[in-house]
Amino acid sequence: MAKSGSRGTISPKKVIKYFTRILNKGTDGTQAAGAAPGASGNKPGGSRPLSSREGSMDLHGNQVELPHEFAARLGLKFNNLLLLGRALTHRSYLNEHSEALEDNERLEFLGDAVLDFVVGAWLYNRYPEMPEGDLTRMRSMLVYTEQLAEFGRQINLGWAMRLGKGEAQAGGRDRSALVCDAFEAVIGAIYLDQGIEAVKSFISPMLEAASEAILASHTIEDPKSLFQEWAQSQGFQAPHYITRSTTGPDHSKVFEVDVIVNDEVYGTGSGHSKQAAAKAAARAALERLGLA
């Protein structure tokens, strides 16, 4: 269990006043009012829709939630709201606001490690008959960028993120990489503030729904899908498949295919169709990575 992230006695009113002062300033220094968008879909932690009076406008007129509003909506009881505020702060915001002291990258690093453990332990207990190879593949699918970004979207995380002007205008609140990073940072903040059990309680409902969807779609059985999800989890572009050679007579051709990621051949496979050869190449790549 991690120690509480709270150090000393911090008045909640002072924390709320701090974030309100930062986020409520208009471009001319006056107060700007606005309502954050309501949450939709199923949310963990007893989430509820925002009222029309909650939320604030940031410096650039974007509707955002303050950290205490975000926590209240999701039923998160933080001891140290400054820790949550840090988890929601992208470095682009830090570059434009001297009063913000730290971005969320260190918490993102921690949250990534916490998620690997929590998801692995959850899968081990949830599927006691699942073999090790399938557990590994399932964990990879649950913690890759797009899936974590989807978890973030389920809780409307984008509207609580503090972004710089450029990132906000470029659609950063819905960009998978940014939402994924912020989600990992929030996990890190929950861990520091409340410990591993709070992380489990927060994410378990999401894992339950996502894992059932993966099993229902049989994604776990498709080596090409698995390898693509691994590549995306590493921040690489989608794999591409190149036919290296074609041999044999017309009625019984054998295709040899390479699968390439980041200009590197990860696997080679052969088969009587290009699709079969591509699957064999993806399977070889997974075996090379220890994922099959």
C-alpha atoms as a PDB file:
ATOM      1  CA  MET A   1       0.000   0.000   0.000  1.00  0.00           C
ATOM      2  CA  ALA A   2       1.268   3.448  -0.776  1.00  0.00           C
ATOM      3  CA  LYS A   3       1.379   6.142   1.817  1.00  0.00           C
ATOM      4  CA  SER A   4      -1.186   8.876   1.580  1.00  0.00           C
ATOM      5  CA  GLY A   5      -0.298  11.639  -0.829  1.00  0.00           C
ATOM      6  CA  SER A   6      -1.477  14.234   1.718  1.00  0.00           C
ATOM      7  CA  ARG A   7       1.315  16.041   3.508  1.00  0.00           C
ATOM      8  CA  GLY A   8       0.336  18.241   6.383  1.00  0.00           C
ATOM      9  CA  THR A   9      -3.085  19.847   6.621  1.00  0.00           C
ATOM     10  CA  ILE A  10      -4.407  21.434   3.437  1.00  0.00           C
ATOM     11  CA  SER A  11      -7.755  23.148   3.596  1.00  0.00           C
ATOM     12  CA  PRO A  12     -10.080  21.852   0.830  1.00  0.00           C
ATOM     13  CA  LYS A  13     -11.424  25.380   0.449  1.00  0.00           C
ATOM     14  CA  LYS A  14      -7.924  26.674  -0.273  1.00  0.00           C
ATOM     15  CA  VAL A  15      -7.325  23.961  -2.879  1.00  0.00           C
ATOM     16  CA  ILE A  16     -10.629  24.697  -4.632  1.00  0.00           C
ATOM     17  CA  LYS A  17      -9.901  28.419  -4.537  1.00  0.00           C
ATOM     18  CA  TYR A  18      -6.456  27.774  -6.066  1.00  0.00           C
ATOM     19  CA  PHE A  19      -7.799  25.851  -9.068  1.00  0.00           C
ATOM     20  CA  THR A  20     -10.732  28.211  -9.492  1.00  0.00           C
ATOM     21  CA  ARG A  21      -8.367  31.186  -9.670  1.00  0.00           C
ATOM     22  CA  ILE A  22      -6.218  29.455 -12.320  1.00  0.00           C
ATOM     23  CA  LEU A  23      -9.023  28.212 -14.541  1.00  0.00           C
ATOM     24  CA  ASN A  24     -11.614  30.976 -14.208  1.00  0.00           C
ATOM     25  CA  LYS A  25      -9.502  33.838 -15.537  1.00  0.00           C
ATOM     26  CA  GLY A  26     -10.654  35.175 -18.884  1.00  0.00           C
ATOM     27  CA  THR A  27      -8.201  36.580 -21.423  1.00  0.00           C
ATOM     28  CA  ASP A  28      -8.814  40.065 -20.066  1.00  0.00           C
ATOM     29  CA  GLY A  29      -8.416  38.959 -16.438  1.00  0.00           C
ATOM     30  CA  THR A  30     -12.157  38.898 -15.712  1.00  0.00           C
ATOM     31  CA  GLN A  31     -14.118  35.905 -14.483  1.00  0.00           C
ATOM     32  CA  ALA A  32     -15.689  33.705 -17.163  1.00  0.00           C
ATOM     33  CA  ALA A  33     -18.582  31.425 -16.369  1.00  0.00           C
ATOM     34  CA  GLY A  34     -19.426  28.161 -18.103  1.00  0.00           C
ATOM     35  CA  ALA A  35     -20.674  24.675 -17.579  1.00  0.00           C
ATOM     36  CA  ALA A  36     -18.716  21.517 -18.209  1.00  0.00           C
ATOM     37  CA  PRO A  37     -20.373  18.960 -20.411  1.00  0.00           C
ATOM     38  CA  GLY A  38     -22.350  16.249 -18.676  1.00  0.00           C
ATOM     39  CA  ALA A  39     -21.078  12.722 -18.368  1.00  0.00           C
ATOM     40  CA  SER A  40     -22.662  10.024 -20.487  1.00  0.00           C
ATOM     41  CA  GLY A  41     -22.673   6.221 -20.501  1.00  0.00           C
ATOM     42  CA  ASN A  42     -21.885   3.900 -17.628  1.00  0.00           C
ATOM     43  CA  LYS A  43     -19.333   5.324 -15.229  1.00  0.00           C
ATOM     44  CA  PRO A  44     -17.466   3.659 -12.373  1.00  0.00           C
ATOM     45  CA  GLY A  45     -17.429   4.973  -8.851  1.00  0.00           C
ATOM     46  CA  GLY A  46     -21.020   6.210  -8.723  1.00  0.00           C
ATOM     47  CA  SER A  47     -20.576   8.956 -11.312  1.00  0.00           C
ATOM     48  CA  ARG A  48     -23.337  11.459 -11.905  1.00  0.00           C
ATOM     49  CA  PRO A  49     -24.096  14.100 -14.557  1.00  0.00           C
ATOM     50  CA  LEU A  50     -22.728  17.573 -13.986  1.00  0.00           C
ATOM     51  CA  SER A  51     -25.216  20.235 -13.054  1.00  0.00           C
ATOM     52  CA  SER A  52     -25.462  23.308 -15.240  1.00  0.00           C
ATOM     53  CA  ARG A  53     -23.752  25.366 -12.552  1.00  0.00           C
ATOM     54  CA  GLU A  54     -20.614  23.239 -12.295  1.00  0.00           C
ATOM     55  CA  GLY A  55     -17.490  23.544 -14.382  1.00  0.00           C
ATOM     56  CA  SER A  56     -15.404  26.535 -15.452  1.00  0.00           C
ATOM     57  CA  MET A  57     -13.917  28.149 -18.522  1.00  0.00           C
ATOM     58  CA  ASP A  58     -10.187  27.958 -19.005  1.00  0.00           C
ATOM     59  CA  LEU A  59      -8.068  30.827 -20.272  1.00  0.00           C
ATOM     60  CA  HIS A  60      -8.995  30.036 -23.877  1.00  0.00           C
ATOM     61  CA  GLY A  61     -12.734  29.618 -23.461  1.00  0.00           C
ATOM     62  CA  ASN A  62     -12.758  25.814 -23.287  1.00  0.00           C
ATOM     63  CA  GLN A  63     -15.219  24.228 -20.884  1.00  0.00           C
ATOM     64  CA  VAL A  64     -13.422  22.266 -18.187  1.00  0.00           C
ATOM     65  CA  GLU A  65     -14.051  20.658 -14.835  1.00  0.00           C
ATOM     66  CA  LEU A  66     -12.084  21.641 -11.778  1.00  0.00           C
ATOM     67  CA  PRO A  67     -10.314  18.740 -10.027  1.00  0.00           C
ATOM     68  CA  HIS A  68     -12.764  18.682  -7.109  1.00  0.00           C
ATOM     69  CA  GLU A  69     -15.706  18.584  -9.552  1.00  0.00           C
ATOM     70  CA  PHE A  70     -14.132  15.716 -11.477  1.00  0.00           C
ATOM     71  CA  ALA A  71     -13.496  13.789  -8.254  1.00  0.00           C
ATOM     72  CA  ALA A  72     -17.012  14.392  -6.956  1.00  0.00           C
ATOM     73  CA  ARG A  73     -18.625  13.270 -10.202  1.00  0.00           C
ATOM     74  CA  LEU A  74     -16.748   9.960 -10.122  1.00  0.00           C
ATOM     75  CA  GLY A  75     -17.088   9.420  -6.388  1.00  0.00           C
ATOM     76  CA  LEU A  76     -13.335   9.749  -5.786  1.00  0.00           C
ATOM     77  CA  LYS A  77     -12.545  10.999  -2.281  1.00  0.00           C
ATOM     78  CA  PHE A  78      -9.097  12.548  -2.590  1.00  0.00           C
ATOM     79  CA  ASN A  79      -7.171  13.577   0.501  1.00  0.00           C
ATOM     80  CA  ASN A  80      -4.864  15.728  -1.607  1.00  0.00           C
ATOM     81  CA  LEU A  81      -6.655  17.470  -4.481  1.00  0.00           C
ATOM     82  CA  LEU A  82      -3.391  19.046  -5.632  1.00  0.00           C
ATOM     83  CA  LEU A  83      -2.231  15.541  -6.532  1.00  0.00           C
ATOM     84  CA  LEU A  84      -5.285  15.041  -8.732  1.00  0.00           C
ATOM     85  CA  GLY A  85      -4.786  18.489 -10.264  1.00  0.00           C
ATOM     86  CA  ARG A  86      -1.248  17.500 -11.225  1.00  0.00           C
ATOM     87  CA  ALA A  87      -2.541  14.290 -12.829  1.00  0.00           C
ATOM     88  CA  LEU A  88      -4.835  16.370 -15.054  1.00  0.00           C
ATOM     89  CA  THR A  89      -2.109  18.828 -16.148  1.00  0.00           C
ATOM     90  CA  HIS A  90      -0.501  18.316 -19.562  1.00  0.00           C
ATOM     91  CA  ARG A  91       2.933  19.801 -20.144  1.00  0.00           C
ATOM     92  CA  SER A  92       1.512  22.158 -22.790  1.00  0.00           C
ATOM     93  CA  TYR A  93      -0.516  23.836 -20.013  1.00  0.00           C
ATOM     94  CA  LEU A  94       2.578  24.098 -17.838  1.00  0.00           C
ATOM     95  CA  ASN A  95       4.414  25.948 -20.602  1.00  0.00           C
ATOM     96  CA  GLU A  96       1.730  28.649 -20.661  1.00  0.00           C
ATOM     97  CA  HIS A  97       0.949  28.968 -16.931  1.00  0.00           C
ATOM     98  CA  SER A  98       3.781  29.840 -14.589  1.00  0.00           C
ATOM     99  CA  GLU A  99       1.570  29.210 -11.550  1.00  0.00           C
ATOM    100  CA  ALA A 100       1.290  25.493 -12.450  1.00  0.00           C
ATOM    101  CA  LEU A 101       4.263  23.743 -10.896  1.00  0.00           C
ATOM    102  CA  GLU A 102       4.384  20.247 -12.399  1.00  0.00           C
ATOM    103  CA  ASP A 103       2.865  18.288 -15.290  1.00  0.00           C
ATOM    104  CA  ASN A 104       1.476  14.753 -15.150  1.00  0.00           C
ATOM    105  CA  GLU A 105       4.335  12.835 -16.769  1.00  0.00           C
ATOM    106  CA  ARG A 106       5.789  11.381 -13.563  1.00  0.00           C
ATOM    107  CA  LEU A 107       2.335  10.288 -12.416  1.00  0.00           C
ATOM    108  CA  GLU A 108       1.763   8.797 -15.870  1.00  0.00           C
ATOM    109  CA  PHE A 109       4.926   6.713 -15.422  1.00  0.00           C
ATOM    110  CA  LEU A 110       3.736   5.475 -12.051  1.00  0.00           C
ATOM    111  CA  GLY A 111       0.202   4.812 -13.246  1.00  0.00           C
ATOM    112  CA  ASP A 112       1.483   2.717 -16.146  1.00  0.00           C
ATOM    113  CA  ALA A 113       3.310   0.420 -13.711  1.00  0.00           C
ATOM    114  CA  VAL A 114       0.341   0.265 -11.333  1.00  0.00           C
ATOM    115  CA  LEU A 115      -2.011  -0.646 -14.189  1.00  0.00           C
ATOM    116  CA  ASP A 116       0.228  -3.476 -15.365  1.00  0.00           C
ATOM    117  CA  PHE A 117       0.102  -5.018 -11.888  1.00  0.00           C
ATOM    118  CA  VAL A 118      -3.558  -4.361 -11.137  1.00  0.00           C
ATOM    119  CA  VAL A 119      -4.786  -5.596 -14.519  1.00  0.00           C
ATOM    120  CA  GLY A 120      -2.584  -8.698 -14.304  1.00  0.00           C
ATOM    121  CA  ALA A 121      -3.835  -9.517 -10.805  1.00  0.00           C
ATOM    122  CA  TRP A 122      -7.441  -8.837 -11.803  1.00  0.00           C
ATOM    123  CA  LEU A 123      -7.196 -11.169 -14.800  1.00  0.00           C
ATOM    124  CA  TYR A 124      -5.532 -13.892 -12.719  1.00  0.00           C
ATOM    125  CA  ASN A 125      -8.404 -13.896 -10.242  1.00  0.00           C
ATOM    126  CA  ARG A 126     -11.208 -13.248 -12.735  1.00  0.00           C
ATOM    127  CA  TYR A 127     -10.267 -16.059 -15.131  1.00  0.00           C
ATOM    128  CA  PRO A 128      -8.782 -18.876 -13.006  1.00  0.00           C
ATOM    129  CA  GLU A 129      -8.805 -21.365 -15.901  1.00  0.00           C
ATOM    130  CA  MET A 130      -7.262 -19.083 -18.531  1.00  0.00           C
ATOM    131  CA  PRO A 131      -3.751 -20.203 -19.608  1.00  0.00           C
ATOM    132  CA  GLU A 132      -0.755 -17.928 -19.144  1.00  0.00           C
ATOM    133  CA  GLY A 133      -0.429 -17.047 -22.820  1.00  0.00           C
ATOM    134  CA  ASP A 134      -4.054 -15.885 -23.030  1.00  0.00           C
ATOM    135  CA  LEU A 135      -3.694 -13.920 -19.798  1.00  0.00           C
ATOM    136  CA  THR A 136      -0.682 -12.121 -21.252  1.00  0.00           C
ATOM    137  CA  ARG A 137      -2.503 -11.313 -24.476  1.00  0.00           C
ATOM    138  CA  MET A 138      -5.587 -10.158 -22.615  1.00  0.00           C
ATOM    139  CA  ARG A 139      -3.543  -7.840 -20.406  1.00  0.00           C
ATOM    140  CA  SER A 140      -1.847  -6.392 -23.483  1.00  0.00           C
ATOM    141  CA  MET A 141      -5.244  -5.601 -24.984  1.00  0.00           C
ATOM    142  CA  LEU A 142      -6.541  -4.023 -21.780  1.00  0.00           C
ATOM    143  CA  VAL A 143      -3.607  -1.659 -21.255  1.00  0.00           C
ATOM    144  CA  TYR A 144      -2.809  -0.575 -24.798  1.00  0.00           C
ATOM    145  CA  THR A 145      -3.234   3.074 -25.740  1.00  0.00           C
ATOM    146  CA  GLU A 146      -6.608   2.939 -27.475  1.00  0.00           C
ATOM    147  CA  GLN A 147      -8.225   0.887 -24.708  1.00  0.00           C
ATOM    148  CA  LEU A 148      -6.977   3.165 -21.922  1.00  0.00           C
ATOM    149  CA  ALA A 149      -8.116   6.164 -23.954  1.00  0.00           C
ATOM    150  CA  GLU A 150     -11.545   4.550 -24.222  1.00  0.00           C
ATOM    151  CA  PHE A 151     -11.624   4.133 -20.441  1.00  0.00           C
ATOM    152  CA  GLY A 152     -10.808   7.838 -20.213  1.00  0.00           C
ATOM    153  CA  ARG A 153     -13.612   8.749 -22.595  1.00  0.00           C
ATOM    154  CA  GLN A 154     -16.065   6.676 -20.583  1.00  0.00           C
ATOM    155  CA  ILE A 155     -15.496   9.015 -17.635  1.00  0.00           C
ATOM    156  CA  ASN A 156     -15.300  12.218 -19.741  1.00  0.00           C
ATOM    157  CA  LEU A 157     -11.679  12.665 -18.717  1.00  0.00           C
ATOM    158  CA  GLY A 158     -10.914  14.977 -21.623  1.00  0.00           C
ATOM    159  CA  TRP A 159     -13.034  17.759 -20.154  1.00  0.00           C
ATOM    160  CA  ALA A 160     -11.068  17.723 -16.918  1.00  0.00           C
ATOM    161  CA  MET A 161      -7.647  17.831 -18.598  1.00  0.00           C
ATOM    162  CA  ARG A 162      -5.709  21.086 -18.403  1.00  0.00           C
ATOM    163  CA  LEU A 163      -4.197  21.714 -21.832  1.00  0.00           C
ATOM    164  CA  GLY A 164      -2.311  24.543 -23.479  1.00  0.00           C
ATOM    165  CA  LYS A 165      -4.031  26.609 -26.134  1.00  0.00           C
ATOM    166  CA  GLY A 166      -2.479  24.771 -29.065  1.00  0.00           C
ATOM    167  CA  GLU A 167      -3.296  21.302 -27.755  1.00  0.00           C
ATOM    168  CA  ALA A 168      -6.865  22.274 -26.895  1.00  0.00           C
ATOM    169  CA  GLN A 169      -7.504  23.838 -30.296  1.00  0.00           C
ATOM    170  CA  ALA A 170      -5.990  20.801 -32.061  1.00  0.00           C
ATOM    171  CA  GLY A 171      -8.508  18.467 -30.433  1.00  0.00           C
ATOM    172  CA  GLY A 172      -6.265  17.260 -27.637  1.00  0.00           C
ATOM    173  CA  ARG A 173      -9.187  16.543 -25.319  1.00  0.00           C
ATOM    174  CA  ASP A 174     -10.134  13.588 -27.506  1.00  0.00           C
ATOM    175  CA  ARG A 175      -6.689  12.585 -28.785  1.00  0.00           C
ATOM    176  CA  SER A 176      -6.084   8.998 -27.742  1.00  0.00           C
ATOM    177  CA  ALA A 177      -2.453   9.461 -26.721  1.00  0.00           C
ATOM    178  CA  LEU A 178      -3.247  12.418 -24.443  1.00  0.00           C
ATOM    179  CA  VAL A 179      -6.347  10.847 -22.905  1.00  0.00           C
ATOM    180  CA  CYS A 180      -4.445   7.608 -22.308  1.00  0.00           C
ATOM    181  CA  ASP A 181      -1.587   9.476 -20.625  1.00  0.00           C
ATOM    182  CA  ALA A 182      -3.978  11.423 -18.401  1.00  0.00           C
ATOM    183  CA  PHE A 183      -5.828   8.237 -17.451  1.00  0.00           C
ATOM    184  CA  GLU A 184      -2.556   6.604 -16.407  1.00  0.00           C
ATOM    185  CA  ALA A 185      -1.687   9.727 -14.404  1.00  0.00           C
ATOM    186  CA  VAL A 186      -5.054   9.653 -12.618  1.00  0.00           C
ATOM    187  CA  ILE A 187      -4.399   5.992 -11.729  1.00  0.00           C
ATOM    188  CA  GLY A 188      -1.015   7.023 -10.338  1.00  0.00           C
ATOM    189  CA  ALA A 189      -2.624   9.795  -8.306  1.00  0.00           C
ATOM    190  CA  ILE A 190      -5.287   7.471  -6.881  1.00  0.00           C
ATOM    191  CA  TYR A 191      -2.566   4.996  -5.908  1.00  0.00           C
ATOM    192  CA  LEU A 192      -0.466   7.615  -4.102  1.00  0.00           C
ATOM    193  CA  ASP A 193      -3.465   9.162  -2.384  1.00  0.00           C
ATOM    194  CA  GLN A 194      -5.468   6.084  -1.415  1.00  0.00           C
ATOM    195  CA  GLY A 195      -3.532   2.927  -2.228  1.00  0.00           C
ATOM    196  CA  ILE A 196      -3.873  -0.089  -4.456  1.00  0.00           C
ATOM    197  CA  GLU A 197      -7.344  -1.143  -3.254  1.00  0.00           C
ATOM    198  CA  ALA A 198      -8.809   2.177  -4.370  1.00  0.00           C
ATOM    199  CA  VAL A 199      -7.280   1.671  -7.810  1.00  0.00           C
ATOM    200  CA  LYS A 200      -8.850  -1.789  -8.010  1.00  0.00           C
ATOM    201  CA  SER A 201     -12.266  -0.453  -7.022  1.00  0.00           C
ATOM    202  CA  PHE A 202     -12.047   2.340  -9.576  1.00  0.00           C
ATOM    203  CA  ILE A 203     -10.983   0.303 -12.590  1.00  0.00           C
ATOM    204  CA  SER A 204     -12.593  -3.110 -11.995  1.00  0.00           C
ATOM    205  CA  PRO A 205     -15.958  -2.214 -13.598  1.00  0.00           C
ATOM    206  CA  MET A 206     -14.154  -0.997 -16.720  1.00  0.00           C
ATOM    207  CA  LEU A 207     -12.029  -4.136 -16.910  1.00  0.00           C
ATOM    208  CA  GLU A 208     -15.069  -6.359 -16.536  1.00  0.00           C
ATOM    209  CA  ALA A 209     -16.885  -4.782 -19.468  1.00  0.00           C
ATOM    210  CA  ALA A 210     -13.818  -4.541 -21.706  1.00  0.00           C
ATOM    211  CA  SER A 211     -12.615  -8.099 -21.096  1.00  0.00           C
ATOM    212  CA  GLU A 212     -16.052  -9.542 -21.788  1.00  0.00           C
ATOM    213  CA  ALA A 213     -16.207  -7.599 -25.062  1.00  0.00           C
ATOM    214  CA  ILE A 214     -12.785  -8.924 -26.076  1.00  0.00           C
ATOM    215  CA  LEU A 215     -13.794 -12.519 -25.377  1.00  0.00           C
ATOM    216  CA  ALA A 216     -17.142 -12.120 -27.126  1.00  0.00           C
ATOM    217  CA  SER A 217     -15.468 -10.789 -30.278  1.00  0.00           C
ATOM    218  CA  HIS A 218     -12.758 -13.503 -30.200  1.00  0.00           C
ATOM    219  CA  THR A 219     -10.136 -10.793 -30.678  1.00  0.00           C
ATOM    220  CA  ILE A 220      -7.838 -12.733 -28.401  1.00  0.00           C
ATOM    221  CA  GLU A 221      -7.627 -15.502 -31.010  1.00  0.00           C
ATOM    222  CA  ASP A 222      -6.530 -13.314 -33.946  1.00  0.00           C
ATOM    223  CA  PRO A 223      -2.716 -13.000 -34.080  1.00  0.00           C
ATOM    224  CA  LYS A 224      -2.847 -10.024 -36.477  1.00  0.00           C
ATOM    225  CA  SER A 225      -5.118  -8.093 -34.105  1.00  0.00           C
ATOM    226  CA  LEU A 226      -2.975  -9.015 -31.134  1.00  0.00           C
ATOM    227  CA  PHE A 227       0.217  -7.921 -32.830  1.00  0.00           C
ATOM    228  CA  GLN A 228      -1.338  -4.644 -33.970  1.00  0.00           C
ATOM    229  CA  GLU A 229      -2.513  -3.912 -30.434  1.00  0.00           C
ATOM    230  CA  TRP A 230       0.977  -4.611 -29.114  1.00  0.00           C
ATOM    231  CA  ALA A 231       2.487  -2.249 -31.692  1.00  0.00           C
ATOM    232  CA  GLN A 232       0.024   0.498 -30.750  1.00  0.00           C
ATOM    233  CA  SER A 233       0.736  -0.014 -27.060  1.00  0.00           C
ATOM    234  CA  GLN A 234       4.390   0.750 -27.800  1.00  0.00           C
ATOM    235  CA  GLY A 235       3.502   3.929 -29.685  1.00  0.00           C
ATOM    236  CA  PHE A 236       4.378   2.456 -33.093  1.00  0.00           C
ATOM    237  CA  GLN A 237       2.370   2.714 -36.294  1.00  0.00           C
ATOM    238  CA  ALA A 238       0.209  -0.229 -37.333  1.00  0.00           C
ATOM    239  CA  PRO A 239       2.182  -3.201 -38.717  1.00  0.00           C
ATOM    240  CA  HIS A 240       2.278  -3.641 -42.468  1.00  0.00           C
ATOM    241  CA  TYR A 241       2.640  -6.898 -44.348  1.00  0.00           C
ATOM    242  CA  ILE A 242       4.834  -7.393 -47.418  1.00  0.00           C
ATOM    243  CA  THR A 243       4.828 -10.466 -49.629  1.00  0.00           C
ATOM    244  CA  ARG A 244       8.427 -11.603 -49.826  1.00  0.00           C
ATOM    245  CA  SER A 245       7.970 -14.399 -52.349  1.00  0.00           C
ATOM    246  CA  THR A 246       5.471 -16.596 -54.154  1.00  0.00           C
ATOM    247  CA  THR A 247       6.380 -20.167 -55.103  1.00  0.00           C
ATOM    248  CA  GLY A 248       4.698 -23.289 -56.451  1.00  0.00           C
ATOM    249  CA  PRO A 249       2.232 -23.968 -59.252  1.00  0.00           C
ATOM    250  CA  ASP A 250      -0.892 -21.870 -59.745  1.00  0.00           C
ATOM    251  CA  HIS A 251      -3.149 -24.441 -58.073  1.00  0.00           C
ATOM    252  CA  SER A 252      -0.937 -24.728 -54.973  1.00  0.00           C
ATOM    253  CA  LYS A 253       0.958 -21.499 -54.474  1.00  0.00           C
ATOM    254  CA  VAL A 254       2.838 -20.772 -51.262  1.00  0.00           C
ATOM    255  CA  PHE A 255       3.162 -17.172 -50.134  1.00  0.00           C
ATOM    256  CA  GLU A 256       5.874 -15.915 -47.798  1.00  0.00           C
ATOM    257  CA  VAL A 257       5.047 -12.705 -45.944  1.00  0.00           C
ATOM    258  CA  ASP A 258       7.023 -10.402 -43.627  1.00  0.00           C
ATOM    259  CA  VAL A 259       5.363  -8.273 -40.951  1.00  0.00           C
ATOM    260  CA  ILE A 260       7.148  -4.977 -40.410  1.00  0.00           C
ATOM    261  CA  VAL A 261       6.908  -2.420 -37.613  1.00  0.00           C
ATOM    262  CA  ASN A 262       9.034   0.704 -37.398  1.00  0.00           C
ATOM    263  CA  ASP A 263      11.114  -0.480 -40.398  1.00  0.00           C
ATOM    264  CA  GLU A 264      11.976  -3.749 -38.627  1.00  0.00           C
ATOM    265  CA  VAL A 265      10.887  -7.249 -39.642  1.00  0.00           C
ATOM    266  CA  TYR A 266       9.274  -8.819 -36.578  1.00  0.00           C
ATOM    267  CA  GLY A 267       8.120 -12.086 -38.126  1.00  0.00           C
ATOM    268  CA  THR A 268       7.902 -14.133 -41.308  1.00  0.00           C
ATOM    269  CA  GLY A 269       5.181 -16.624 -42.199  1.00  0.00           C
ATOM    270  CA  SER A 270       4.081 -18.781 -45.098  1.00  0.00           C
ATOM    271  CA  GLY A 271       0.744 -20.157 -46.298  1.00  0.00           C
ATOM    272  CA  HIS A 272      -1.355 -21.029 -49.305  1.00  0.00           C
ATOM    273  CA  SER A 273      -2.984 -17.588 -49.227  1.00  0.00           C
ATOM    274  CA  LYS A 274      -1.616 -14.150 -48.426  1.00  0.00           C
ATOM    275  CA  GLN A 275      -4.009 -13.888 -45.501  1.00  0.00           C
ATOM    276  CA  ALA A 276      -2.841 -17.195 -44.013  1.00  0.00           C
ATOM    277  CA  ALA A 277       0.795 -16.185 -44.502  1.00  0.00           C
ATOM    278  CA  ALA A 278       0.157 -12.818 -42.841  1.00  0.00           C
ATOM    279  CA  LYS A 279      -1.427 -14.522 -39.817  1.00  0.00           C
ATOM    280  CA  ALA A 280       1.548 -16.864 -39.596  1.00  0.00           C
ATOM    281  CA  ALA A 281       3.899 -13.866 -39.698  1.00  0.00           C
ATOM    282  CA  ALA A 282       1.960 -12.113 -36.936  1.00  0.00           C
ATOM    283  CA  ARG A 283       2.020 -15.295 -34.852  1.00  0.00           C
ATOM    284  CA  ALA A 284       5.793 -15.559 -35.341  1.00  0.00           C
ATOM    285  CA  ALA A 285       6.157 -11.939 -34.220  1.00  0.00           C
ATOM    286  CA  LEU A 286       4.109 -12.637 -31.070  1.00  0.00           C
ATOM    287  CA  GLU A 287       6.257 -15.672 -30.321  1.00  0.00           C
ATOM    288  CA  ARG A 288       9.384 -13.571 -30.722  1.00  0.00           C
ATOM    289  CA  LEU A 289       7.949 -11.112 -28.162  1.00  0.00           C
ATOM    290  CA  GLY A 290       6.975 -13.887 -25.765  1.00  0.00           C
ATOM    291  CA  LEU A 291       3.281 -13.161 -26.204  1.00  0.00           C
ATOM    292  CA  ALA A 292       2.303 -16.493 -27.741  1.00  0.00           C
END
